[in-house]
PDB file of all heavy atoms in Angstrom:
ATOM      1  N   PRO A   1      16.886 -42.878 -55.218  1.00  0.00           N
ATOM      2  CA  PRO A   1      16.545 -44.134 -54.552  1.00  0.00           C
ATOM      3  C   PRO A   1      15.034 -44.304 -54.440  1.00  0.00           C
ATOM      4  O   PRO A   1      14.326 -43.404 -53.993  1.00  0.00           O
ATOM      5  CB  PRO A   1      17.186 -43.998 -53.171  1.00  0.00           C
ATOM      6  CG  PRO A   1      18.296 -43.029 -53.369  1.00  0.00           C
ATOM      7  CD  PRO A   1      17.825 -42.072 -54.411  1.00  0.00           C
ATOM      8  N   ARG A   2      14.558 -45.461 -54.852  1.00  0.00           N
ATOM      9  CA  ARG A   2      13.129 -45.720 -54.823  1.00  0.00           C
ATOM     10  C   ARG A   2      12.675 -46.019 -53.394  1.00  0.00           C
ATOM     11  O   ARG A   2      13.322 -46.775 -52.676  1.00  0.00           O
ATOM     12  CB  ARG A   2      12.801 -46.906 -55.730  1.00  0.00           C
ATOM     13  CG  ARG A   2      11.320 -47.179 -55.865  1.00  0.00           C
ATOM     14  CD  ARG A   2      11.060 -48.204 -56.940  1.00  0.00           C
ATOM     15  NE  ARG A   2       9.649 -48.480 -57.068  1.00  0.00           N
ATOM     16  CZ  ARG A   2       9.129 -49.288 -57.989  1.00  0.00           C
ATOM     17  NH1 ARG A   2       9.929 -49.897 -58.841  1.00  0.00           N
ATOM     18  NH2 ARG A   2       7.836 -49.506 -58.046  1.00  0.00           N
ATOM     19  N   GLY A   3      11.554 -45.426 -52.997  1.00  0.00           N
ATOM     20  CA  GLY A   3      10.994 -45.714 -51.685  1.00  0.00           C
ATOM     21  C   GLY A   3      11.267 -44.671 -50.628  1.00  0.00           C
ATOM     22  O   GLY A   3      11.080 -44.931 -49.433  1.00  0.00           O
ATOM     23  N   LEU A   4      11.706 -43.472 -51.020  1.00  0.00           N
ATOM     24  CA  LEU A   4      11.959 -42.419 -50.031  1.00  0.00           C
ATOM     25  C   LEU A   4      10.706 -42.096 -49.220  1.00  0.00           C
ATOM     26  O   LEU A   4      10.792 -41.687 -48.068  1.00  0.00           O
ATOM     27  CB  LEU A   4      12.473 -41.153 -50.724  1.00  0.00           C
ATOM     28  CG  LEU A   4      13.906 -41.176 -51.258  1.00  0.00           C
ATOM     29  CD1 LEU A   4      14.197 -39.909 -52.045  1.00  0.00           C
ATOM     30  CD2 LEU A   4      14.917 -41.345 -50.128  1.00  0.00           C
ATOM     31  N   GLY A   5       9.552 -42.303 -49.819  1.00  0.00           N
ATOM     32  CA  GLY A   5       8.297 -42.015 -49.133  1.00  0.00           C
ATOM     33  C   GLY A   5       8.028 -42.907 -47.936  1.00  0.00           C
ATOM     34  O   GLY A   5       7.160 -42.609 -47.116  1.00  0.00           O
ATOM     35  N   LEU A   6       8.779 -44.010 -47.829  1.00  0.00           N
ATOM     36  CA  LEU A   6       8.637 -44.888 -46.666  1.00  0.00           C
ATOM     37  C   LEU A   6       9.225 -44.261 -45.408  1.00  0.00           C
ATOM     38  O   LEU A   6       8.899 -44.676 -44.294  1.00  0.00           O
ATOM     39  CB  LEU A   6       9.317 -46.233 -46.930  1.00  0.00           C
ATOM     40  CG  LEU A   6       8.728 -47.088 -48.053  1.00  0.00           C
ATOM     41  CD1 LEU A   6       9.593 -48.307 -48.296  1.00  0.00           C
ATOM     42  CD2 LEU A   6       7.300 -47.506 -47.724  1.00  0.00           C
ATOM     43  N   LEU A   7      10.116 -43.283 -45.596  1.00  0.00           N
ATOM     44  CA  LEU A   7      10.730 -42.589 -44.461  1.00  0.00           C
ATOM     45  C   LEU A   7       9.802 -41.443 -44.068  1.00  0.00           C
ATOM     46  O   LEU A   7       9.924 -40.324 -44.553  1.00  0.00           O
ATOM     47  CB  LEU A   7      12.123 -42.083 -44.847  1.00  0.00           C
ATOM     48  CG  LEU A   7      13.089 -43.164 -45.356  1.00  0.00           C
ATOM     49  CD1 LEU A   7      14.374 -42.531 -45.886  1.00  0.00           C
ATOM     50  CD2 LEU A   7      13.412 -44.152 -44.249  1.00  0.00           C
ATOM     51  N   GLN A   8       8.895 -41.712 -43.184  1.00  0.00           N
ATOM     52  CA  GLN A   8       7.765 -40.820 -42.951  1.00  0.00           C
ATOM     53  C   GLN A   8       8.129 -39.514 -42.260  1.00  0.00           C
ATOM     54  O   GLN A   8       7.348 -38.562 -42.278  1.00  0.00           O
ATOM     55  CB  GLN A   8       6.685 -41.551 -42.156  1.00  0.00           C
ATOM     56  CG  GLN A   8       6.131 -42.757 -42.906  1.00  0.00           C
ATOM     57  CD  GLN A   8       5.031 -43.484 -42.153  1.00  0.00           C
ATOM     58  OE1 GLN A   8       4.716 -43.153 -41.013  1.00  0.00           O
ATOM     59  NE2 GLN A   8       4.451 -44.481 -42.785  1.00  0.00           N
ATOM     60  N   SER A   9       9.309 -39.435 -41.629  1.00  0.00           N
ATOM     61  CA  SER A   9       9.719 -38.198 -40.961  1.00  0.00           C
ATOM     62  C   SER A   9      10.741 -37.408 -41.763  1.00  0.00           C
ATOM     63  O   SER A   9      11.227 -36.367 -41.304  1.00  0.00           O
ATOM     64  CB  SER A   9      10.304 -38.517 -39.573  1.00  0.00           C
ATOM     65  OG  SER A   9       9.346 -39.137 -38.743  1.00  0.00           O
ATOM     66  N   LEU A  10      11.067 -37.877 -42.968  1.00  0.00           N
ATOM     67  CA  LEU A  10      12.156 -37.292 -43.750  1.00  0.00           C
ATOM     68  C   LEU A  10      11.876 -35.835 -44.112  1.00  0.00           C
ATOM     69  O   LEU A  10      10.857 -35.520 -44.719  1.00  0.00           O
ATOM     70  CB  LEU A  10      12.364 -38.116 -45.019  1.00  0.00           C
ATOM     71  CG  LEU A  10      13.655 -37.869 -45.801  1.00  0.00           C
ATOM     72  CD1 LEU A  10      14.877 -38.233 -44.961  1.00  0.00           C
ATOM     73  CD2 LEU A  10      13.659 -38.659 -47.098  1.00  0.00           C
ATOM     74  N   GLN A  11      12.812 -34.935 -43.742  1.00  0.00           N
ATOM     75  CA  GLN A  11      12.665 -33.510 -44.011  1.00  0.00           C
ATOM     76  C   GLN A  11      13.738 -32.971 -44.951  1.00  0.00           C
ATOM     77  O   GLN A  11      13.504 -31.982 -45.644  1.00  0.00           O
ATOM     78  CB  GLN A  11      12.712 -32.720 -42.697  1.00  0.00           C
ATOM     79  CG  GLN A  11      11.581 -33.043 -41.740  1.00  0.00           C
ATOM     80  CD  GLN A  11      11.657 -32.229 -40.460  1.00  0.00           C
ATOM     81  OE1 GLN A  11      12.444 -31.296 -40.336  1.00  0.00           O
ATOM     82  NE2 GLN A  11      10.823 -32.582 -39.486  1.00  0.00           N
ATOM     83  N   THR A  12      14.910 -33.574 -44.968  1.00  0.00           N
ATOM     84  CA  THR A  12      16.028 -33.078 -45.764  1.00  0.00           C
ATOM     85  C   THR A  12      16.658 -34.228 -46.539  1.00  0.00           C
ATOM     86  O   THR A  12      16.984 -35.265 -45.958  1.00  0.00           O
ATOM     87  CB  THR A  12      17.097 -32.429 -44.864  1.00  0.00           C
ATOM     88  OG1 THR A  12      16.527 -31.312 -44.189  1.00  0.00           O
ATOM     89  CG2 THR A  12      18.288 -31.969 -45.687  1.00  0.00           C
ATOM     90  N   VAL A  13      16.822 -34.030 -47.858  1.00  0.00           N
ATOM     91  CA  VAL A  13      17.503 -35.014 -48.708  1.00  0.00           C
ATOM     92  C   VAL A  13      18.577 -34.293 -49.500  1.00  0.00           C
ATOM     93  O   VAL A  13      18.282 -33.363 -50.257  1.00  0.00           O
ATOM     94  CB  VAL A  13      16.528 -35.708 -49.679  1.00  0.00           C
ATOM     95  CG1 VAL A  13      17.297 -36.617 -50.645  1.00  0.00           C
ATOM     96  CG2 VAL A  13      15.501 -36.525 -48.921  1.00  0.00           C
ATOM     97  N   HIS A  14      19.831 -34.690 -49.302  1.00  0.00           N
ATOM     98  CA  HIS A  14      20.949 -34.117 -50.040  1.00  0.00           C
ATOM     99  C   HIS A  14      21.568 -35.202 -50.918  1.00  0.00           C
ATOM    100  O   HIS A  14      22.112 -36.181 -50.401  1.00  0.00           O
ATOM    101  CB  HIS A  14      21.997 -33.549 -49.080  1.00  0.00           C
ATOM    102  CG  HIS A  14      21.549 -32.293 -48.409  1.00  0.00           C
ATOM    103  ND1 HIS A  14      22.242 -31.700 -47.377  1.00  0.00           N
ATOM    104  CD2 HIS A  14      20.474 -31.501 -48.633  1.00  0.00           C
ATOM    105  CE1 HIS A  14      21.615 -30.607 -46.991  1.00  0.00           C
ATOM    106  NE2 HIS A  14      20.538 -30.464 -47.731  1.00  0.00           N
ATOM    107  N   MET A  15      21.463 -35.025 -52.234  1.00  0.00           N
ATOM    108  CA  MET A  15      22.009 -35.989 -53.192  1.00  0.00           C
ATOM    109  C   MET A  15      22.838 -35.296 -54.257  1.00  0.00           C
ATOM    110  O   MET A  15      22.879 -35.721 -55.404  1.00  0.00           O
ATOM    111  CB  MET A  15      20.886 -36.804 -53.827  1.00  0.00           C
ATOM    112  CG  MET A  15      20.210 -37.760 -52.869  1.00  0.00           C
ATOM    113  SD  MET A  15      18.999 -38.854 -53.633  1.00  0.00           S
ATOM    114  CE  MET A  15      17.700 -37.679 -53.991  1.00  0.00           C
ATOM    115  N   SER A  16      23.520 -34.220 -53.894  1.00  0.00           N
ATOM    116  CA  SER A  16      24.338 -33.503 -54.866  1.00  0.00           C
ATOM    117  C   SER A  16      25.556 -34.332 -55.266  1.00  0.00           C
ATOM    118  O   SER A  16      25.982 -35.243 -54.551  1.00  0.00           O
ATOM    119  CB  SER A  16      24.793 -32.161 -54.295  1.00  0.00           C
ATOM    120  OG  SER A  16      25.671 -32.356 -53.204  1.00  0.00           O
ATOM    121  N   SER A  17      26.101 -34.011 -56.427  1.00  0.00           N
ATOM    122  CA  SER A  17      27.337 -34.650 -56.924  1.00  0.00           C
ATOM    123  C   SER A  17      27.199 -36.160 -57.054  1.00  0.00           C
ATOM    124  O   SER A  17      27.998 -36.932 -56.543  1.00  0.00           O
ATOM    125  CB  SER A  17      28.530 -34.284 -56.024  1.00  0.00           C
ATOM    126  OG  SER A  17      28.720 -32.888 -55.988  1.00  0.00           O
ATOM    127  N   ASN A  18      26.143 -36.574 -57.749  1.00  0.00           N
ATOM    128  CA  ASN A  18      25.971 -37.958 -58.150  1.00  0.00           C
ATOM    129  C   ASN A  18      25.860 -37.990 -59.677  1.00  0.00           C
ATOM    130  O   ASN A  18      26.377 -37.090 -60.344  1.00  0.00           O
ATOM    131  CB  ASN A  18      24.734 -38.565 -57.483  1.00  0.00           C
ATOM    132  CG  ASN A  18      25.001 -39.033 -56.060  1.00  0.00           C
ATOM    133  OD1 ASN A  18      25.512 -40.127 -55.835  1.00  0.00           O
ATOM    134  ND2 ASN A  18      24.648 -38.201 -55.078  1.00  0.00           N
ATOM    135  N   ALA A  19      25.205 -39.004 -60.214  1.00  0.00           N
ATOM    136  CA  ALA A  19      25.041 -39.107 -61.667  1.00  0.00           C
ATOM    137  C   ALA A  19      23.577 -39.291 -62.039  1.00  0.00           C
ATOM    138  O   ALA A  19      23.249 -39.938 -63.033  1.00  0.00           O
ATOM    139  CB  ALA A  19      25.883 -40.256 -62.205  1.00  0.00           C
ATOM    140  N   ILE A  20      22.691 -38.703 -61.225  1.00  0.00           N
ATOM    141  CA  ILE A  20      21.250 -38.820 -61.461  1.00  0.00           C
ATOM    142  C   ILE A  20      20.892 -38.137 -62.780  1.00  0.00           C
ATOM    143  O   ILE A  20      21.293 -37.008 -63.027  1.00  0.00           O
ATOM    144  CB  ILE A  20      20.472 -38.197 -60.294  1.00  0.00           C
ATOM    145  CG1 ILE A  20      20.789 -38.955 -58.998  1.00  0.00           C
ATOM    146  CG2 ILE A  20      18.969 -38.210 -60.554  1.00  0.00           C
ATOM    147  CD1 ILE A  20      20.275 -38.295 -57.741  1.00  0.00           C
ATOM    148  N   GLN A  21      20.107 -38.829 -63.622  1.00  0.00           N
ATOM    149  CA  GLN A  21      19.852 -38.345 -64.976  1.00  0.00           C
ATOM    150  C   GLN A  21      18.472 -37.740 -65.163  1.00  0.00           C
ATOM    151  O   GLN A  21      18.288 -36.895 -66.043  1.00  0.00           O
ATOM    152  CB  GLN A  21      20.046 -39.493 -65.976  1.00  0.00           C
ATOM    153  CG  GLN A  21      21.459 -40.051 -65.954  1.00  0.00           C
ATOM    154  CD  GLN A  21      21.638 -41.218 -66.892  1.00  0.00           C
ATOM    155  OE1 GLN A  21      20.851 -41.439 -67.809  1.00  0.00           O
ATOM    156  NE2 GLN A  21      22.679 -41.999 -66.655  1.00  0.00           N
ATOM    157  N   GLN A  22      17.495 -38.152 -64.370  1.00  0.00           N
ATOM    158  CA  GLN A  22      16.160 -37.579 -64.502  1.00  0.00           C
ATOM    159  C   GLN A  22      15.380 -37.769 -63.212  1.00  0.00           C
ATOM    160  O   GLN A  22      15.740 -38.594 -62.375  1.00  0.00           O
ATOM    161  CB  GLN A  22      15.400 -38.206 -65.673  1.00  0.00           C
ATOM    162  CG  GLN A  22      15.108 -39.687 -65.515  1.00  0.00           C
ATOM    163  CD  GLN A  22      14.431 -40.259 -66.749  1.00  0.00           C
ATOM    164  OE1 GLN A  22      14.894 -40.038 -67.878  1.00  0.00           O
ATOM    165  NE2 GLN A  22      13.339 -40.992 -66.554  1.00  0.00           N
ATOM    166  N   ILE A  23      14.312 -36.992 -63.063  1.00  0.00           N
ATOM    167  CA  ILE A  23      13.442 -37.082 -61.900  1.00  0.00           C
ATOM    168  C   ILE A  23      12.089 -37.580 -62.381  1.00  0.00           C
ATOM    169  O   ILE A  23      11.409 -36.914 -63.158  1.00  0.00           O
ATOM    170  CB  ILE A  23      13.281 -35.717 -61.195  1.00  0.00           C
ATOM    171  CG1 ILE A  23      14.651 -35.109 -60.885  1.00  0.00           C
ATOM    172  CG2 ILE A  23      12.466 -35.879 -59.924  1.00  0.00           C
ATOM    173  CD1 ILE A  23      15.512 -35.921 -59.960  1.00  0.00           C
ATOM    174  N   ASP A  24      11.709 -38.764 -61.915  1.00  0.00           N
ATOM    175  CA  ASP A  24      10.472 -39.405 -62.353  1.00  0.00           C
ATOM    176  C   ASP A  24       9.321 -39.064 -61.412  1.00  0.00           C
ATOM    177  O   ASP A  24       9.536 -38.626 -60.280  1.00  0.00           O
ATOM    178  CB  ASP A  24      10.670 -40.925 -62.420  1.00  0.00           C
ATOM    179  CG  ASP A  24      11.666 -41.318 -63.518  1.00  0.00           C
ATOM    180  OD1 ASP A  24      11.728 -40.602 -64.537  1.00  0.00           O
ATOM    181  OD2 ASP A  24      12.372 -42.335 -63.350  1.00  0.00           O
ATOM    182  N   PRO A  25       8.078 -39.293 -61.866  1.00  0.00           N
ATOM    183  CA  PRO A  25       6.923 -38.864 -61.059  1.00  0.00           C
ATOM    184  C   PRO A  25       6.810 -39.535 -59.699  1.00  0.00           C
ATOM    185  O   PRO A  25       6.223 -38.975 -58.775  1.00  0.00           O
ATOM    186  CB  PRO A  25       5.721 -39.208 -61.954  1.00  0.00           C
ATOM    187  CG  PRO A  25       6.233 -40.165 -62.974  1.00  0.00           C
ATOM    188  CD  PRO A  25       7.663 -39.820 -63.178  1.00  0.00           C
ATOM    189  N   LYS A  26       7.368 -40.745 -59.533  1.00  0.00           N
ATOM    190  CA  LYS A  26       7.238 -41.459 -58.261  1.00  0.00           C
ATOM    191  C   LYS A  26       8.475 -41.354 -57.379  1.00  0.00           C
ATOM    192  O   LYS A  26       8.507 -41.935 -56.294  1.00  0.00           O
ATOM    193  CB  LYS A  26       6.917 -42.933 -58.530  1.00  0.00           C
ATOM    194  CG  LYS A  26       5.554 -43.153 -59.167  1.00  0.00           C
ATOM    195  CD  LYS A  26       5.243 -44.635 -59.298  1.00  0.00           C
ATOM    196  CE  LYS A  26       3.862 -44.854 -59.901  1.00  0.00           C
ATOM    197  NZ  LYS A  26       3.535 -46.294 -60.016  1.00  0.00           N
ATOM    198  N   ASP A  27       9.484 -40.614 -57.816  1.00  0.00           N
ATOM    199  CA  ASP A  27      10.726 -40.539 -57.047  1.00  0.00           C
ATOM    200  C   ASP A  27      10.524 -39.958 -55.657  1.00  0.00           C
ATOM    201  O   ASP A  27      11.175 -40.388 -54.697  1.00  0.00           O
ATOM    202  CB  ASP A  27      11.769 -39.714 -57.804  1.00  0.00           C
ATOM    203  CG  ASP A  27      12.401 -40.495 -58.943  1.00  0.00           C
ATOM    204  OD1 ASP A  27      12.225 -41.734 -58.983  1.00  0.00           O
ATOM    205  OD2 ASP A  27      13.070 -39.883 -59.798  1.00  0.00           O
ATOM    206  N   PHE A  28       9.656 -38.953 -55.532  1.00  0.00           N
ATOM    207  CA  PHE A  28       9.409 -38.326 -54.230  1.00  0.00           C
ATOM    208  C   PHE A  28       7.959 -38.500 -53.790  1.00  0.00           C
ATOM    209  O   PHE A  28       7.435 -37.707 -53.014  1.00  0.00           O
ATOM    210  CB  PHE A  28       9.787 -36.846 -54.283  1.00  0.00           C
ATOM    211  CG  PHE A  28      11.248 -36.612 -54.572  1.00  0.00           C
ATOM    212  CD1 PHE A  28      11.666 -36.232 -55.835  1.00  0.00           C
ATOM    213  CD2 PHE A  28      12.202 -36.818 -53.595  1.00  0.00           C
ATOM    214  CE1 PHE A  28      13.021 -36.044 -56.112  1.00  0.00           C
ATOM    215  CE2 PHE A  28      13.545 -36.638 -53.854  1.00  0.00           C
ATOM    216  CZ  PHE A  28      13.957 -36.244 -55.118  1.00  0.00           C
ATOM    217  N   GLN A  29       7.344 -39.564 -54.262  1.00  0.00           N
ATOM    218  CA  GLN A  29       5.961 -39.845 -53.905  1.00  0.00           C
ATOM    219  C   GLN A  29       5.835 -40.101 -52.408  1.00  0.00           C
ATOM    220  O   GLN A  29       6.630 -40.834 -51.811  1.00  0.00           O
ATOM    221  CB  GLN A  29       5.471 -41.066 -54.687  1.00  0.00           C
ATOM    222  CG  GLN A  29       3.981 -41.330 -54.563  1.00  0.00           C
ATOM    223  CD  GLN A  29       3.547 -42.487 -55.449  1.00  0.00           C
ATOM    224  OE1 GLN A  29       4.321 -43.387 -55.745  1.00  0.00           O
ATOM    225  NE2 GLN A  29       2.295 -42.457 -55.890  1.00  0.00           N
ATOM    226  N   ASN A  30       4.843 -39.474 -51.792  1.00  0.00           N
ATOM    227  CA  ASN A  30       4.538 -39.616 -50.360  1.00  0.00           C
ATOM    228  C   ASN A  30       5.593 -38.996 -49.447  1.00  0.00           C
ATOM    229  O   ASN A  30       5.569 -39.243 -48.238  1.00  0.00           O
ATOM    230  CB  ASN A  30       4.346 -41.088 -49.979  1.00  0.00           C
ATOM    231  CG  ASN A  30       3.186 -41.724 -50.712  1.00  0.00           C
ATOM    232  OD1 ASN A  30       2.156 -41.096 -50.926  1.00  0.00           O
ATOM    233  ND2 ASN A  30       3.355 -42.975 -51.114  1.00  0.00           N
ATOM    234  N   CYS A  31       6.497 -38.187 -49.975  1.00  0.00           N
ATOM    235  CA  CYS A  31       7.487 -37.485 -49.131  1.00  0.00           C
ATOM    236  C   CYS A  31       6.848 -36.202 -48.609  1.00  0.00           C
ATOM    237  O   CYS A  31       7.316 -35.091 -48.887  1.00  0.00           O
ATOM    238  CB  CYS A  31       8.754 -37.184 -49.928  1.00  0.00           C
ATOM    239  SG  CYS A  31       9.693 -38.648 -50.406  1.00  0.00           S
ATOM    240  N   SER A  32       5.812 -36.357 -47.826  1.00  0.00           N
ATOM    241  CA  SER A  32       4.977 -35.215 -47.450  1.00  0.00           C
ATOM    242  C   SER A  32       5.642 -34.269 -46.470  1.00  0.00           C
ATOM    243  O   SER A  32       5.204 -33.121 -46.314  1.00  0.00           O
ATOM    244  CB  SER A  32       3.655 -35.716 -46.863  1.00  0.00           C
ATOM    245  OG  SER A  32       3.904 -36.546 -45.740  1.00  0.00           O
ATOM    246  N   GLN A  33       6.701 -34.713 -45.767  1.00  0.00           N
ATOM    247  CA  GLN A  33       7.368 -33.858 -44.783  1.00  0.00           C
ATOM    248  C   GLN A  33       8.618 -33.179 -45.334  1.00  0.00           C
ATOM    249  O   GLN A  33       9.265 -32.406 -44.624  1.00  0.00           O
ATOM    250  CB  GLN A  33       7.760 -34.687 -43.552  1.00  0.00           C
ATOM    251  CG  GLN A  33       6.604 -35.410 -42.884  1.00  0.00           C
ATOM    252  CD  GLN A  33       5.532 -34.463 -42.394  1.00  0.00           C
ATOM    253  OE1 GLN A  33       5.834 -33.446 -41.772  1.00  0.00           O
ATOM    254  NE2 GLN A  33       4.280 -34.775 -42.672  1.00  0.00           N
ATOM    255  N   LEU A  34       8.974 -33.455 -46.603  1.00  0.00           N
ATOM    256  CA  LEU A  34      10.234 -32.963 -47.158  1.00  0.00           C
ATOM    257  C   LEU A  34      10.230 -31.440 -47.300  1.00  0.00           C
ATOM    258  O   LEU A  34       9.316 -30.855 -47.865  1.00  0.00           O
ATOM    259  CB  LEU A  34      10.478 -33.603 -48.522  1.00  0.00           C
ATOM    260  CG  LEU A  34      11.910 -33.567 -49.058  1.00  0.00           C
ATOM    261  CD1 LEU A  34      12.844 -34.309 -48.119  1.00  0.00           C
ATOM    262  CD2 LEU A  34      11.982 -34.160 -50.448  1.00  0.00           C
ATOM    263  N   LYS A  35      11.277 -30.805 -46.758  1.00  0.00           N
ATOM    264  CA  LYS A  35      11.394 -29.353 -46.789  1.00  0.00           C
ATOM    265  C   LYS A  35      12.584 -28.875 -47.617  1.00  0.00           C
ATOM    266  O   LYS A  35      12.576 -27.770 -48.147  1.00  0.00           O
ATOM    267  CB  LYS A  35      11.534 -28.799 -45.358  1.00  0.00           C
ATOM    268  CG  LYS A  35      10.348 -29.065 -44.459  1.00  0.00           C
ATOM    269  CD  LYS A  35      10.591 -28.494 -43.068  1.00  0.00           C
ATOM    270  CE  LYS A  35       9.416 -28.749 -42.144  1.00  0.00           C
ATOM    271  NZ  LYS A  35       9.658 -28.172 -40.791  1.00  0.00           N
TER     272      LYS A  35
END
């Protein structure tokens, strides 16, 4: 999903068991709190 970096407190993202095909350079841009 585009825009994850807008969620400024986001620490955990679980997206297993989908159909995601590639990880692009801006997909996790500005996700500075992600652990």
